[in-house]
Amino acid sequence: MKQQVLVLYLATSALDSQVVGWANYDGTGRTSPTTGDGDVPPYESGVHALRDGWRLFQASQLIPPYPGQEYDTSFMKHEFFFEKLES
């Protein structure tokens, strides 16, 4: 079995919210390079990825902003990791 990994950054912590960023890693060797790029996200939401057979295996911890830092720029906090296993 070989693993494909899909990282989706969503607009909110809800799995059905809009994808705002993504990364795709293909461990099967079928694509080169192993990461995808483009202007259009591979899915509209995390739920759409689930419906296409991706398995959710990690979601980022929800951490509230510290008082006074609500509008600071930082990492994308609504990160979800998915995988597909291929023969």
C-alpha atoms as a PDB file:
ATOM      1  CA  MET A   1       0.000   0.000   0.000  1.00  0.00           C
ATOM      2  CA  LYS A   2       1.145   3.530  -0.824  1.00  0.00           C
ATOM      3  CA  GLN A   3      -0.182   6.677   0.750  1.00  0.00           C
ATOM      4  CA  GLN A   4      -1.512   9.887  -0.739  1.00  0.00           C
ATOM      5  CA  VAL A   5      -1.837  12.846   1.639  1.00  0.00           C
ATOM      6  CA  LEU A   6      -4.088  15.855   1.162  1.00  0.00           C
ATOM      7  CA  VAL A   7      -3.867  18.907   3.439  1.00  0.00           C
ATOM      8  CA  LEU A   8      -6.816  21.288   3.301  1.00  0.00           C
ATOM      9  CA  TYR A   9      -6.949  24.671   5.035  1.00  0.00           C
ATOM     10  CA  LEU A  10     -10.574  25.676   5.543  1.00  0.00           C
ATOM     11  CA  ALA A  11     -12.199  29.059   6.168  1.00  0.00           C
ATOM     12  CA  THR A  12     -13.482  27.902   9.579  1.00  0.00           C
ATOM     13  CA  SER A  13     -13.177  24.864  11.827  1.00  0.00           C
ATOM     14  CA  ALA A  14     -16.285  23.325  10.213  1.00  0.00           C
ATOM     15  CA  LEU A  15     -15.452  20.482   7.837  1.00  0.00           C
ATOM     16  CA  ASP A  16     -18.042  21.755   5.364  1.00  0.00           C
ATOM     17  CA  SER A  17     -16.522  25.249   5.084  1.00  0.00           C
ATOM     18  CA  GLN A  18     -14.729  26.529   1.977  1.00  0.00           C
ATOM     19  CA  VAL A  19     -11.168  25.453   1.132  1.00  0.00           C
ATOM     20  CA  VAL A  20      -8.806  28.462   1.224  1.00  0.00           C
ATOM     21  CA  GLY A  21      -5.477  26.639   0.839  1.00  0.00           C
ATOM     22  CA  TRP A  22      -4.207  23.135   0.119  1.00  0.00           C
ATOM     23  CA  ALA A  23      -1.266  20.824  -0.468  1.00  0.00           C
ATOM     24  CA  ASN A  24      -1.254  17.371  -2.061  1.00  0.00           C
ATOM     25  CA  TYR A  25       1.480  14.726  -1.700  1.00  0.00           C
ATOM     26  CA  ASP A  26       1.405  11.573  -3.839  1.00  0.00           C
ATOM     27  CA  GLY A  27       3.428   8.674  -2.461  1.00  0.00           C
ATOM     28  CA  THR A  28       2.327   6.354  -5.276  1.00  0.00           C
ATOM     29  CA  GLY A  29       4.862   7.793  -7.725  1.00  0.00           C
ATOM     30  CA  ARG A  30       2.159   8.353 -10.362  1.00  0.00           C
ATOM     31  CA  THR A  31       2.624  12.116 -10.388  1.00  0.00           C
ATOM     32  CA  SER A  32       5.803  14.134 -10.598  1.00  0.00           C
ATOM     33  CA  PRO A  33       6.418  16.292  -8.698  1.00  0.00           C
ATOM     34  CA  THR A  34       4.625  14.695  -5.768  1.00  0.00           C
ATOM     35  CA  THR A  35       2.921  17.951  -4.736  1.00  0.00           C
ATOM     36  CA  GLY A  36       0.098  19.573  -6.618  1.00  0.00           C
ATOM     37  CA  ASP A  37      -0.286  23.206  -7.443  1.00  0.00           C
ATOM     38  CA  GLY A  38      -2.849  25.302  -9.202  1.00  0.00           C
ATOM     39  CA  ASP A  39      -5.337  28.109  -8.807  1.00  0.00           C
ATOM     40  CA  VAL A  40      -8.365  25.898  -8.185  1.00  0.00           C
ATOM     41  CA  PRO A  41      -8.632  23.847  -4.976  1.00  0.00           C
ATOM     42  CA  PRO A  42      -9.050  20.087  -5.451  1.00  0.00           C
ATOM     43  CA  TYR A  43     -12.296  20.153  -3.416  1.00  0.00           C
ATOM     44  CA  GLU A  44     -14.819  22.789  -2.340  1.00  0.00           C
ATOM     45  CA  SER A  45     -14.750  21.613   1.292  1.00  0.00           C
ATOM     46  CA  GLY A  46     -13.473  18.857   3.538  1.00  0.00           C
ATOM     47  CA  VAL A  47     -16.798  17.063   3.221  1.00  0.00           C
ATOM     48  CA  HIS A  48     -16.317  16.886  -0.564  1.00  0.00           C
ATOM     49  CA  ALA A  49     -12.944  15.191  -0.005  1.00  0.00           C
ATOM     50  CA  LEU A  50     -14.592  12.644   2.319  1.00  0.00           C
ATOM     51  CA  ARG A  51     -17.230  11.896  -0.312  1.00  0.00           C
ATOM     52  CA  ASP A  52     -14.438  11.226  -2.820  1.00  0.00           C
ATOM     53  CA  GLY A  53     -12.885   8.560  -0.591  1.00  0.00           C
ATOM     54  CA  TRP A  54     -10.299  10.553   1.383  1.00  0.00           C
ATOM     55  CA  ARG A  55     -10.031   9.549   5.033  1.00  0.00           C
ATOM     56  CA  LEU A  56      -9.676  12.293   7.637  1.00  0.00           C
ATOM     57  CA  PHE A  57      -6.917  11.470  10.099  1.00  0.00           C
ATOM     58  CA  GLN A  58      -6.018  14.756  11.760  1.00  0.00           C
ATOM     59  CA  ALA A  59      -7.577  18.142  12.420  1.00  0.00           C
ATOM     60  CA  SER A  60      -5.805  21.088  13.998  1.00  0.00           C
ATOM     61  CA  GLN A  61      -6.455  21.973  17.600  1.00  0.00           C
ATOM     62  CA  LEU A  62      -8.739  24.958  18.072  1.00  0.00           C
ATOM     63  CA  ILE A  63      -6.835  27.624  19.969  1.00  0.00           C
ATOM     64  CA  PRO A  64      -8.540  30.944  20.717  1.00  0.00           C
ATOM     65  CA  PRO A  65      -6.513  34.097  20.017  1.00  0.00           C
ATOM     66  CA  TYR A  66      -4.936  35.840  22.980  1.00  0.00           C
ATOM     67  CA  PRO A  67      -6.720  39.057  23.989  1.00  0.00           C
ATOM     68  CA  GLY A  68      -5.519  41.910  21.792  1.00  0.00           C
ATOM     69  CA  GLN A  69      -4.217  39.590  19.041  1.00  0.00           C
ATOM     70  CA  GLU A  70      -7.493  38.828  17.284  1.00  0.00           C
ATOM     71  CA  TYR A  71      -6.350  40.490  14.040  1.00  0.00           C
ATOM     72  CA  ASP A  72      -2.677  39.465  13.983  1.00  0.00           C
ATOM     73  CA  THR A  73      -1.439  37.462  11.003  1.00  0.00           C
ATOM     74  CA  SER A  74      -0.277  33.937  11.856  1.00  0.00           C
ATOM     75  CA  PHE A  75      -0.478  30.333  10.663  1.00  0.00           C
ATOM     76  CA  MET A  76      -3.625  28.967   9.027  1.00  0.00           C
ATOM     77  CA  LYS A  77      -5.352  27.341  11.951  1.00  0.00           C
ATOM     78  CA  HIS A  78      -8.146  25.321  10.325  1.00  0.00           C
ATOM     79  CA  GLU A  79      -5.916  22.563   8.909  1.00  0.00           C
ATOM     80  CA  PHE A  80      -7.199  19.079   8.061  1.00  0.00           C
ATOM     81  CA  PHE A  81      -5.103  16.095   6.945  1.00  0.00           C
ATOM     82  CA  PHE A  82      -6.634  13.400   4.710  1.00  0.00           C
ATOM     83  CA  GLU A  83      -5.209  10.209   3.247  1.00  0.00           C
ATOM     84  CA  LYS A  84      -5.947   7.654   0.541  1.00  0.00           C
ATOM     85  CA  LEU A  85      -4.239   4.283   0.401  1.00  0.00           C
ATOM     86  CA  GLU A  86      -3.486   2.867  -3.057  1.00  0.00           C
ATOM     87  CA  SER A  87      -2.293  -0.600  -4.011  1.00  0.00           C
END
